[in-house]
């Protein structure tokens, strides 16, 4: 259980600085380092990431980095996607979940890297909230809900590049808005997973959650000191490395360890 502390801090740093990526780290850590089966790990990760996102989002909100109308337009329709995604989660094996997770992660990493590399600091989008296009935001919210329910992720690794690429957000505003969205959808996703019968370890979850909150607060304090391009590229590298690890694991080593492969 002590291993949950450094891992929780690292997950919190990712959430606080990058607006996502917490579950991208949490699920492999819970499965490969802490011995949980994949379905239990997806539920635990939602609780941990929700707490970290709330802690990180409070700092971003105080710094006026949250576009609240966009956050609401995405988070509300995500609830429908969560219900559908959770039903699918319980119907597939842990190995298949991880295998399907990998290409989604690579696409998100590529999009974020491309966006960050195309912008110099002088060319980056200005701070402030772009106009709300309701149909586009609602569609994104549904997609995030599906990912949350199915993979047990908060969706930040998809929300951040989508806000930056499709909606024209500055990276800092994309991070702040993502944290609010992740807070809402991860909390709802955790509740739906538990109702659906997925379990979690209360002690391990509590320890990792507290560590994640501490890391998210620290990450939120560090983020304003880092260039937008650096934030974007760091996010892309993080997601790519974990995706590569999962790809090697599922392709050459039979997927997640013994645990629950059903």
Protein backbone atom coordinates (compact mmCIF):
# COMPACT_ATOMS: atom_id res chain seq x y z
CA UNK A 1 0.00 0.00 0.00
CA UNK A 2 2.95 2.34 0.60
CA UNK A 3 3.67 2.23 -3.14
CA UNK A 4 0.34 3.98 -3.65
CA UNK A 5 1.76 7.19 -2.15
CA UNK A 6 4.49 8.05 -4.70
CA UNK A 7 2.31 6.83 -7.54
CA UNK A 8 -0.59 8.92 -6.27
CA UNK A 9 1.60 12.02 -6.09
CA UNK A 10 2.83 11.46 -9.66
CA UNK A 11 -0.74 11.03 -10.89
CA UNK A 12 -1.76 14.22 -9.09
CA UNK A 13 1.12 16.16 -10.65
CA UNK A 14 -0.03 15.05 -14.08
CA UNK A 15 -3.62 16.09 -13.36
CA UNK A 16 -2.68 19.43 -11.80
CA UNK A 17 -0.15 20.47 -14.45
CA UNK A 18 -1.62 18.94 -17.60
CA UNK A 19 -5.36 18.84 -16.99
CA UNK A 20 -5.53 15.11 -17.59
CA UNK A 21 -3.47 11.98 -17.94
CA UNK A 22 -4.21 10.87 -14.39
CA UNK A 23 -6.14 7.75 -15.31
CA UNK A 24 -3.71 7.06 -18.14
CA UNK A 25 -1.14 6.59 -15.39
CA UNK A 26 -3.46 5.24 -12.70
CA UNK A 27 -4.84 2.24 -14.57
CA UNK A 28 -1.43 0.72 -15.50
CA UNK A 29 -0.12 1.46 -11.99
CA UNK A 30 -3.09 -0.17 -10.30
CA UNK A 31 -2.91 -3.23 -12.55
CA UNK A 32 0.83 -3.79 -12.95
CA UNK A 33 2.29 -2.32 -9.74
CA UNK A 34 -0.51 -2.71 -7.19
CA UNK A 35 -2.04 -5.98 -8.39
CA UNK A 36 -5.64 -5.00 -9.09
CA UNK A 37 -7.66 -6.58 -11.87
CA UNK A 38 -8.52 -4.29 -14.77
CA UNK A 39 -12.18 -3.76 -13.90
CA UNK A 40 -11.39 -2.90 -10.27
CA UNK A 41 -8.60 -0.60 -11.46
CA UNK A 42 -10.95 1.32 -13.76
CA UNK A 43 -13.26 2.05 -10.82
CA UNK A 44 -10.45 2.97 -8.42
CA UNK A 45 -8.84 5.25 -11.00
CA UNK A 46 -12.07 7.22 -11.40
CA UNK A 47 -12.24 7.93 -7.65
CA UNK A 48 -8.56 8.92 -7.47
CA UNK A 49 -8.63 11.09 -10.58
CA UNK A 50 -11.88 12.81 -9.57
CA UNK A 51 -10.34 13.91 -6.27
CA UNK A 52 -7.15 15.11 -7.96
CA UNK A 53 -9.11 16.99 -10.63
CA UNK A 54 -11.22 18.76 -8.00
CA UNK A 55 -8.10 19.84 -6.12
CA UNK A 56 -6.34 21.01 -9.30
CA UNK A 57 -9.47 22.63 -10.70
CA UNK A 58 -9.96 24.84 -7.66
CA UNK A 59 -6.59 26.48 -8.30
CA UNK A 60 -7.35 26.93 -12.00
CA UNK A 61 -10.75 28.44 -11.18
CA UNK A 62 -9.15 30.94 -8.81
CA UNK A 63 -6.77 31.93 -11.63
CA UNK A 64 -9.74 32.39 -14.01
CA UNK A 65 -8.59 29.59 -16.31
CA UNK A 66 -11.98 27.83 -16.54
CA UNK A 67 -14.53 28.38 -19.31
CA UNK A 68 -17.61 27.45 -17.33
CA UNK A 69 -20.16 27.42 -20.16
CA UNK A 70 -18.02 25.01 -22.16
CA UNK A 71 -17.48 22.87 -19.05
CA UNK A 72 -21.23 22.56 -18.46
CA UNK A 73 -22.01 21.92 -22.12
CA UNK A 74 -19.56 19.01 -22.14
CA UNK A 75 -20.15 17.55 -18.67
CA UNK A 76 -23.96 17.31 -18.80
CA UNK A 77 -24.27 15.15 -21.96
CA UNK A 78 -21.31 13.06 -20.76
CA UNK A 79 -23.68 11.42 -18.25
CA UNK A 80 -25.49 9.58 -21.06
CA UNK A 81 -22.21 8.39 -22.53
CA UNK A 82 -21.06 7.11 -19.13
CA UNK A 83 -24.08 4.82 -18.81
CA UNK A 84 -23.46 3.28 -22.23
CA UNK A 85 -19.69 3.00 -21.71
CA UNK A 86 -20.03 1.34 -18.31
CA UNK A 87 -22.37 -1.29 -19.72
CA UNK A 88 -19.77 -2.08 -22.36
CA UNK A 89 -16.97 -2.12 -19.76
CA UNK A 90 -18.57 -4.94 -17.81
CA UNK A 91 -19.10 -6.97 -20.98
CA UNK A 92 -15.48 -7.20 -22.21
CA UNK A 93 -12.27 -8.73 -20.85
CA UNK A 94 -9.51 -6.80 -19.10
CA UNK A 95 -7.04 -7.61 -21.88
CA UNK A 96 -9.38 -6.26 -24.53
CA UNK A 97 -9.93 -3.07 -22.52
CA UNK A 98 -6.19 -2.40 -22.41
CA UNK A 99 -5.71 -3.29 -26.07
CA UNK A 100 -8.45 -0.86 -27.13
CA UNK A 101 -7.06 1.82 -24.82
CA UNK A 102 -3.71 1.98 -26.65
CA UNK A 103 -4.77 3.46 -30.04
CA UNK A 104 -6.95 6.06 -28.34
CA UNK A 105 -3.94 7.17 -26.29
CA UNK A 106 -1.65 7.39 -29.33
CA UNK A 107 -4.15 9.52 -31.25
CA UNK A 108 -4.52 11.92 -28.33
CA UNK A 109 -0.74 12.16 -27.91
CA UNK A 110 -0.17 12.84 -31.60
CA UNK A 111 -2.84 15.55 -31.72
CA UNK A 112 -1.46 17.29 -28.64
CA UNK A 113 2.14 17.17 -29.87
CA UNK A 114 1.14 18.58 -33.24
CA UNK A 115 -0.79 21.41 -31.64
CA UNK A 116 2.00 22.29 -29.22
CA UNK A 117 4.68 22.12 -31.93
CA UNK A 118 2.75 24.41 -34.28
CA UNK A 119 2.51 27.22 -31.74
CA UNK A 120 5.20 29.51 -30.52
CA UNK A 121 4.39 31.42 -27.37
CA UNK A 122 3.70 34.52 -29.44
CA UNK A 123 1.35 32.61 -31.75
CA UNK A 124 -0.53 30.74 -29.05
CA UNK A 125 -4.27 31.45 -28.69
CA UNK A 126 -5.07 34.34 -26.42
CA UNK A 127 -6.41 33.73 -22.96
CA UNK A 128 -10.17 33.84 -22.71
CA UNK A 129 -13.04 31.61 -23.70
CA UNK A 130 -13.86 30.98 -27.36
CA UNK A 131 -17.52 31.20 -28.49
CA UNK A 132 -19.74 28.32 -27.42
CA UNK A 133 -20.88 26.07 -30.27
CA UNK A 134 -23.45 23.94 -28.46
CA UNK A 135 -23.71 21.05 -30.93
CA UNK A 136 -19.95 20.61 -31.01
CA UNK A 137 -19.58 20.76 -27.24
CA UNK A 138 -22.45 18.33 -26.66
CA UNK A 139 -20.96 15.84 -29.14
CA UNK A 140 -17.60 16.03 -27.40
CA UNK A 141 -19.32 15.55 -24.03
CA UNK A 142 -20.99 12.36 -25.23
CA UNK A 143 -17.65 11.04 -26.50
CA UNK A 144 -15.92 11.83 -23.21
CA UNK A 145 -18.71 10.06 -21.32
CA UNK A 146 -18.27 6.93 -23.44
CA UNK A 147 -14.53 6.92 -22.78
CA UNK A 148 -15.08 7.50 -19.06
CA UNK A 149 -17.54 4.66 -18.70
CA UNK A 150 -15.73 2.19 -20.91
CA UNK A 151 -12.08 2.77 -20.00
CA UNK A 152 -12.43 4.14 -16.48
CA UNK A 153 -10.71 7.41 -17.36
CA UNK A 154 -11.66 10.97 -16.57
CA UNK A 155 -11.25 11.88 -20.24
CA UNK A 156 -8.74 14.69 -19.74
CA UNK A 157 -6.23 13.15 -22.15
CA UNK A 158 -8.90 13.56 -24.85
CA UNK A 159 -10.53 16.77 -23.61
CA UNK A 160 -7.32 18.84 -23.46
CA UNK A 161 -6.22 18.31 -27.09
CA UNK A 162 -9.82 18.59 -28.32
CA UNK A 163 -10.36 21.91 -26.57
CA UNK A 164 -7.05 23.17 -27.94
CA UNK A 165 -7.44 21.82 -31.48
CA UNK A 166 -11.16 21.89 -32.21
CA UNK A 167 -12.31 24.80 -30.06
CA UNK A 168 -9.23 27.03 -30.22
CA UNK A 169 -8.50 27.17 -26.50
CA UNK A 170 -5.17 28.41 -25.18
CA UNK A 171 -3.41 25.46 -23.54
CA UNK A 172 -3.76 26.90 -20.03
CA UNK A 173 -7.50 27.45 -20.45
CA UNK A 174 -7.86 23.98 -21.97
CA UNK A 175 -6.19 22.54 -18.87
CA UNK A 176 -8.35 24.51 -16.42
CA UNK A 177 -11.60 23.72 -18.21
CA UNK A 178 -10.60 20.07 -18.59
CA UNK A 179 -10.12 19.73 -14.83
CA UNK A 180 -13.69 20.85 -14.15
CA UNK A 181 -15.05 18.46 -16.78
CA UNK A 182 -12.91 15.59 -15.48
CA UNK A 183 -14.08 16.25 -11.91
CA UNK A 184 -17.73 15.90 -12.91
CA UNK A 185 -17.49 12.95 -15.27
CA UNK A 186 -15.06 10.96 -13.10
CA UNK A 187 -17.28 11.32 -10.03
CA UNK A 188 -20.33 10.26 -12.00
CA UNK A 189 -18.39 7.46 -13.67
CA UNK A 190 -17.19 6.09 -10.33
CA UNK A 191 -20.73 6.05 -9.01
CA UNK A 192 -22.07 4.26 -12.07
CA UNK A 193 -19.24 1.70 -11.94
CA UNK A 194 -20.02 0.92 -8.30
CA UNK A 195 -23.74 0.61 -9.00
CA UNK A 196 -22.89 -1.72 -11.89
CA UNK A 197 -21.08 -4.02 -9.45
CA UNK A 198 -17.42 -3.07 -9.90
CA UNK A 199 -15.48 -3.16 -6.62
CA UNK A 200 -12.59 -1.22 -5.11
CA UNK A 201 -10.21 -1.53 -2.16
CA UNK A 202 -11.22 1.23 0.32
CA UNK A 203 -7.82 1.44 2.05
CA UNK A 204 -5.73 1.55 -1.11
CA UNK A 205 -8.16 3.95 -2.74
CA UNK A 206 -8.04 6.34 0.23
CA UNK A 207 -4.22 6.37 0.38
CA UNK A 208 -3.80 6.94 -3.35
CA UNK A 209 -6.55 9.57 -3.39
CA UNK A 210 -4.93 11.65 -0.64
CA UNK A 211 -1.55 11.42 -2.38
CA UNK A 212 -3.14 12.41 -5.69
CA UNK A 213 -4.79 15.47 -4.12
CA UNK A 214 -1.43 16.58 -2.71
CA UNK A 215 0.22 16.11 -6.10
CA UNK A 216 -2.56 17.98 -7.90
CA UNK A 217 -2.24 20.98 -5.59
CA UNK A 218 1.51 21.03 -6.19
CA UNK A 219 1.04 20.59 -9.93
CA UNK A 220 -1.44 23.44 -10.06
CA UNK A 221 1.11 25.71 -8.38
CA UNK A 222 3.87 24.71 -10.81
CA UNK A 223 1.84 24.88 -14.03
CA UNK A 224 1.76 28.72 -14.40
CA UNK A 225 5.56 28.74 -14.43
CA UNK A 226 5.80 26.40 -17.43
CA UNK A 227 5.48 27.49 -21.08
CA UNK A 228 2.33 26.41 -22.94
CA UNK A 229 4.38 24.55 -25.56
CA UNK A 230 6.22 22.65 -22.84
CA UNK A 231 2.94 21.73 -21.12
CA UNK A 232 1.46 20.41 -24.37
CA UNK A 233 4.51 18.39 -25.34
CA UNK A 234 4.90 17.00 -21.83
CA UNK A 235 1.32 15.78 -21.99
CA UNK A 236 1.94 14.12 -25.36
CA UNK A 237 5.13 12.39 -24.21
CA UNK A 238 3.47 11.11 -21.03
CA UNK A 239 0.54 9.58 -22.89
CA UNK A 240 2.82 8.07 -25.58
CA UNK A 241 5.13 6.38 -23.10
CA UNK A 242 2.30 4.75 -21.17
CA UNK A 243 0.59 3.70 -24.42
CA UNK A 244 3.84 2.11 -25.63
CA UNK A 245 4.17 0.21 -22.37
CA UNK A 246 0.62 -1.10 -22.63
CA UNK A 247 1.15 -2.04 -26.28
CA UNK A 248 4.24 -4.10 -25.45
CA UNK A 249 2.47 -5.70 -22.50
CA UNK A 250 -0.64 -6.75 -24.40
CA UNK A 251 1.22 -7.77 -27.60
CA UNK A 252 4.14 -9.71 -26.13
CA UNK A 253 3.39 -10.54 -22.49
CA UNK A 254 -0.25 -11.56 -22.54
CA UNK A 255 -1.78 -8.35 -21.18
CA UNK A 256 -2.46 -7.65 -17.51
CA UNK A 257 -1.08 -10.01 -14.89
CA UNK A 258 -3.11 -12.89 -13.56
CA UNK A 259 -5.82 -10.83 -11.82
CA UNK A 260 -9.08 -10.70 -13.73
CA UNK A 261 -8.70 -11.51 -17.38
CA UNK A 262 -12.38 -12.14 -17.88
